[in-house]
Amino acid sequence: MGQRGEVFSTKFSTDERTYFFNVKENFRGEMYLNIVESKSSEDGKFIRQSIIVYPECLQEFIRQFQKSIDFMKLNSKDET
């Protein structure tokens, strides 16, 4: 087990934010996904927001996440 229960972590950064995708393990050995957004505030401190997705919810989370992405692609004014 890694530090604070982390067993895998990946991230990507933009100009204003960093996103972390952390797979963690609790004390019972059960894994879960922790998604964190971190950005600096005007006073130089960091604001961190986090959601946790448990294994029993992961498939539906992915399905709904993909539906949201598909909607954005179809309705985006920016053709990227």
N, C-alpha and C. Protein backbone atom coordinates (compact mmCIF):
# COMPACT_ATOMS: atom_id res chain seq x y z
N MET A 1 0.84 -1.17 0.00
CA MET A 1 0.00 0.00 0.00
C MET A 1 0.89 1.24 0.00
N GLY A 2 0.47 2.25 -0.74
CA GLY A 2 1.26 3.47 -0.84
C GLY A 2 0.96 4.45 0.27
N GLN A 3 1.55 5.60 0.18
CA GLN A 3 1.35 6.66 1.16
C GLN A 3 -0.13 7.06 1.18
N ARG A 4 -0.72 7.19 2.38
CA ARG A 4 -2.14 7.53 2.55
C ARG A 4 -3.05 6.59 1.78
N GLY A 5 -2.61 5.34 1.55
CA GLY A 5 -3.44 4.37 0.88
C GLY A 5 -3.42 4.46 -0.63
N GLU A 6 -2.58 5.32 -1.21
CA GLU A 6 -2.53 5.45 -2.67
C GLU A 6 -1.81 4.24 -3.27
N VAL A 7 -2.46 3.61 -4.26
CA VAL A 7 -1.84 2.49 -4.95
C VAL A 7 -1.52 2.83 -6.40
N PHE A 8 -2.15 3.91 -6.90
CA PHE A 8 -1.88 4.38 -8.27
C PHE A 8 -2.31 5.84 -8.34
N SER A 9 -1.56 6.64 -9.08
CA SER A 9 -1.92 8.04 -9.24
C SER A 9 -1.43 8.54 -10.59
N THR A 10 -2.25 9.35 -11.22
CA THR A 10 -1.86 10.01 -12.45
C THR A 10 -2.46 11.42 -12.42
N LYS A 11 -1.89 12.33 -13.19
CA LYS A 11 -2.39 13.70 -13.17
C LYS A 11 -2.15 14.37 -14.52
N PHE A 12 -2.87 15.45 -14.73
CA PHE A 12 -2.55 16.34 -15.83
C PHE A 12 -2.86 17.76 -15.40
N SER A 13 -2.14 18.70 -15.99
CA SER A 13 -2.26 20.10 -15.61
C SER A 13 -2.63 20.96 -16.81
N THR A 14 -3.39 22.00 -16.52
CA THR A 14 -3.68 23.05 -17.49
C THR A 14 -3.01 24.31 -16.95
N ASP A 15 -3.25 25.43 -17.59
CA ASP A 15 -2.67 26.68 -17.11
C ASP A 15 -3.16 27.04 -15.71
N GLU A 16 -4.40 26.69 -15.39
CA GLU A 16 -5.00 27.13 -14.13
C GLU A 16 -5.30 26.01 -13.14
N ARG A 17 -5.33 24.76 -13.59
CA ARG A 17 -5.77 23.67 -12.72
C ARG A 17 -4.89 22.44 -12.91
N THR A 18 -4.88 21.61 -11.87
CA THR A 18 -4.28 20.29 -11.95
C THR A 18 -5.33 19.28 -11.52
N TYR A 19 -5.45 18.21 -12.28
CA TYR A 19 -6.39 17.13 -11.97
C TYR A 19 -5.61 15.89 -11.60
N PHE A 20 -6.01 15.27 -10.50
CA PHE A 20 -5.39 14.04 -10.03
C PHE A 20 -6.41 12.92 -10.07
N PHE A 21 -6.00 11.76 -10.54
CA PHE A 21 -6.82 10.56 -10.53
C PHE A 21 -6.08 9.55 -9.66
N ASN A 22 -6.57 9.36 -8.45
CA ASN A 22 -5.88 8.52 -7.47
C ASN A 22 -6.70 7.28 -7.17
N VAL A 23 -6.09 6.13 -7.30
CA VAL A 23 -6.70 4.90 -6.84
C VAL A 23 -6.14 4.66 -5.44
N LYS A 24 -7.04 4.53 -4.49
CA LYS A 24 -6.63 4.36 -3.09
C LYS A 24 -7.21 3.06 -2.56
N GLU A 25 -6.63 2.64 -1.45
CA GLU A 25 -7.07 1.42 -0.80
C GLU A 25 -7.37 1.74 0.66
N ASN A 26 -8.54 1.32 1.13
CA ASN A 26 -8.87 1.58 2.53
C ASN A 26 -8.26 0.50 3.42
N PHE A 27 -8.49 0.60 4.71
CA PHE A 27 -7.86 -0.32 5.66
C PHE A 27 -8.34 -1.76 5.49
N ARG A 28 -9.48 -1.97 4.80
CA ARG A 28 -9.97 -3.32 4.54
C ARG A 28 -9.46 -3.88 3.21
N GLY A 29 -8.63 -3.10 2.49
CA GLY A 29 -8.10 -3.56 1.22
C GLY A 29 -9.00 -3.29 0.03
N GLU A 30 -10.08 -2.53 0.22
CA GLU A 30 -11.01 -2.19 -0.86
C GLU A 30 -10.50 -0.94 -1.58
N MET A 31 -10.49 -0.98 -2.91
CA MET A 31 -10.01 0.16 -3.68
C MET A 31 -11.16 1.07 -4.09
N TYR A 32 -10.83 2.34 -4.28
CA TYR A 32 -11.78 3.33 -4.74
C TYR A 32 -11.03 4.40 -5.52
N LEU A 33 -11.77 5.18 -6.31
CA LEU A 33 -11.19 6.24 -7.13
C LEU A 33 -11.45 7.58 -6.47
N ASN A 34 -10.41 8.37 -6.33
CA ASN A 34 -10.48 9.71 -5.78
C ASN A 34 -10.03 10.68 -6.87
N ILE A 35 -10.94 11.55 -7.32
CA ILE A 35 -10.64 12.54 -8.36
C ILE A 35 -10.53 13.89 -7.68
N VAL A 36 -9.42 14.58 -7.89
CA VAL A 36 -9.16 15.85 -7.21
C VAL A 36 -8.83 16.93 -8.24
N GLU A 37 -9.43 18.10 -8.04
CA GLU A 37 -9.08 19.29 -8.81
C GLU A 37 -8.37 20.24 -7.85
N SER A 38 -7.24 20.76 -8.26
CA SER A 38 -6.48 21.71 -7.44
C SER A 38 -6.19 22.94 -8.27
N LYS A 39 -6.44 24.12 -7.67
CA LYS A 39 -6.14 25.37 -8.36
C LYS A 39 -5.73 26.40 -7.32
N SER A 40 -4.92 27.35 -7.75
CA SER A 40 -4.48 28.38 -6.81
C SER A 40 -5.52 29.48 -6.75
N SER A 41 -5.64 30.07 -5.57
CA SER A 41 -6.56 31.18 -5.38
C SER A 41 -5.78 32.49 -5.47
N GLU A 42 -6.49 33.58 -5.42
CA GLU A 42 -5.85 34.89 -5.55
C GLU A 42 -4.87 35.17 -4.41
N ASP A 43 -5.08 34.56 -3.26
CA ASP A 43 -4.18 34.81 -2.12
C ASP A 43 -3.00 33.83 -2.10
N GLY A 44 -2.84 33.03 -3.16
CA GLY A 44 -1.70 32.13 -3.27
C GLY A 44 -1.89 30.77 -2.65
N LYS A 45 -3.01 30.55 -1.99
CA LYS A 45 -3.31 29.25 -1.41
C LYS A 45 -3.93 28.35 -2.48
N PHE A 46 -3.96 27.05 -2.20
CA PHE A 46 -4.56 26.12 -3.15
C PHE A 46 -5.95 25.71 -2.68
N ILE A 47 -6.86 25.66 -3.64
CA ILE A 47 -8.21 25.17 -3.40
C ILE A 47 -8.27 23.77 -3.98
N ARG A 48 -8.66 22.81 -3.16
CA ARG A 48 -8.76 21.42 -3.61
C ARG A 48 -10.19 20.95 -3.45
N GLN A 49 -10.71 20.34 -4.51
CA GLN A 49 -12.04 19.76 -4.48
C GLN A 49 -11.91 18.30 -4.88
N SER A 50 -12.68 17.45 -4.26
CA SER A 50 -12.48 16.03 -4.44
C SER A 50 -13.81 15.29 -4.51
N ILE A 51 -13.86 14.24 -5.32
CA ILE A 51 -14.98 13.30 -5.29
C ILE A 51 -14.41 11.90 -5.18
N ILE A 52 -15.19 11.03 -4.58
CA ILE A 52 -14.79 9.64 -4.44
C ILE A 52 -15.82 8.78 -5.16
N VAL A 53 -15.33 7.82 -5.94
CA VAL A 53 -16.21 6.89 -6.64
C VAL A 53 -15.84 5.49 -6.17
N TYR A 54 -16.81 4.81 -5.60
CA TYR A 54 -16.59 3.45 -5.09
C TYR A 54 -16.80 2.42 -6.19
N PRO A 55 -16.16 1.27 -6.08
CA PRO A 55 -16.21 0.26 -7.14
C PRO A 55 -17.63 -0.11 -7.58
N GLU A 56 -18.56 -0.20 -6.65
CA GLU A 56 -19.93 -0.60 -7.02
C GLU A 56 -20.64 0.46 -7.86
N CYS A 57 -20.12 1.67 -7.89
CA CYS A 57 -20.73 2.76 -8.66
C CYS A 57 -19.94 3.09 -9.92
N LEU A 58 -18.79 2.48 -10.09
CA LEU A 58 -17.86 2.89 -11.14
C LEU A 58 -18.43 2.74 -12.55
N GLN A 59 -19.08 1.63 -12.87
CA GLN A 59 -19.60 1.44 -14.23
C GLN A 59 -20.66 2.49 -14.58
N GLU A 60 -21.57 2.75 -13.65
CA GLU A 60 -22.60 3.75 -13.91
C GLU A 60 -22.00 5.15 -13.96
N PHE A 61 -21.01 5.42 -13.12
CA PHE A 61 -20.30 6.70 -13.15
C PHE A 61 -19.69 6.92 -14.52
N ILE A 62 -19.01 5.91 -15.04
CA ILE A 62 -18.37 6.01 -16.35
C ILE A 62 -19.43 6.21 -17.44
N ARG A 63 -20.53 5.48 -17.34
CA ARG A 63 -21.60 5.59 -18.34
C ARG A 63 -22.17 7.01 -18.36
N GLN A 64 -22.46 7.57 -17.20
CA GLN A 64 -23.02 8.92 -17.13
C GLN A 64 -21.99 9.98 -17.52
N PHE A 65 -20.74 9.76 -17.14
CA PHE A 65 -19.66 10.66 -17.53
C PHE A 65 -19.53 10.70 -19.06
N GLN A 66 -19.58 9.53 -19.69
CA GLN A 66 -19.47 9.45 -21.15
C GLN A 66 -20.67 10.12 -21.82
N LYS A 67 -21.87 9.96 -21.26
CA LYS A 67 -23.05 10.64 -21.81
C LYS A 67 -22.85 12.16 -21.77
N SER A 68 -22.28 12.65 -20.69
CA SER A 68 -22.03 14.09 -20.57
C SER A 68 -21.01 14.57 -21.59
N ILE A 69 -19.96 13.79 -21.80
CA ILE A 69 -18.94 14.13 -22.79
C ILE A 69 -19.54 14.13 -24.19
N ASP A 70 -20.32 13.11 -24.49
CA ASP A 70 -20.97 13.03 -25.81
C ASP A 70 -21.88 14.24 -26.05
N PHE A 71 -22.64 14.64 -25.03
CA PHE A 71 -23.50 15.81 -25.15
C PHE A 71 -22.68 17.06 -25.44
N MET A 72 -21.59 17.23 -24.71
CA MET A 72 -20.74 18.39 -24.92
C MET A 72 -20.16 18.42 -26.33
N LYS A 73 -19.75 17.27 -26.84
CA LYS A 73 -19.21 17.20 -28.19
C LYS A 73 -20.25 17.57 -29.23
N LEU A 74 -21.47 17.09 -29.05
CA LEU A 74 -22.53 17.37 -30.01
C LEU A 74 -23.01 18.82 -29.96
N ASN A 75 -22.90 19.43 -28.81
CA ASN A 75 -23.47 20.77 -28.63
C ASN A 75 -22.43 21.86 -28.46
N SER A 76 -21.19 21.54 -28.66
CA SER A 76 -20.14 22.53 -28.48
C SER A 76 -20.08 23.46 -29.68
N LYS A 77 -19.90 24.73 -29.40
CA LYS A 77 -19.74 25.72 -30.46
C LYS A 77 -18.32 25.71 -30.98
N ASP A 78 -17.41 25.18 -30.17
CA ASP A 78 -16.00 25.09 -30.56
C ASP A 78 -15.80 23.76 -31.26
N GLU A 79 -15.35 23.77 -32.45
CA GLU A 79 -15.13 22.56 -33.25
C GLU A 79 -13.73 22.03 -33.03
N THR A 80 -13.46 21.37 -31.89
CA THR A 80 -12.12 20.83 -31.60
C THR A 80 -12.08 19.35 -31.81
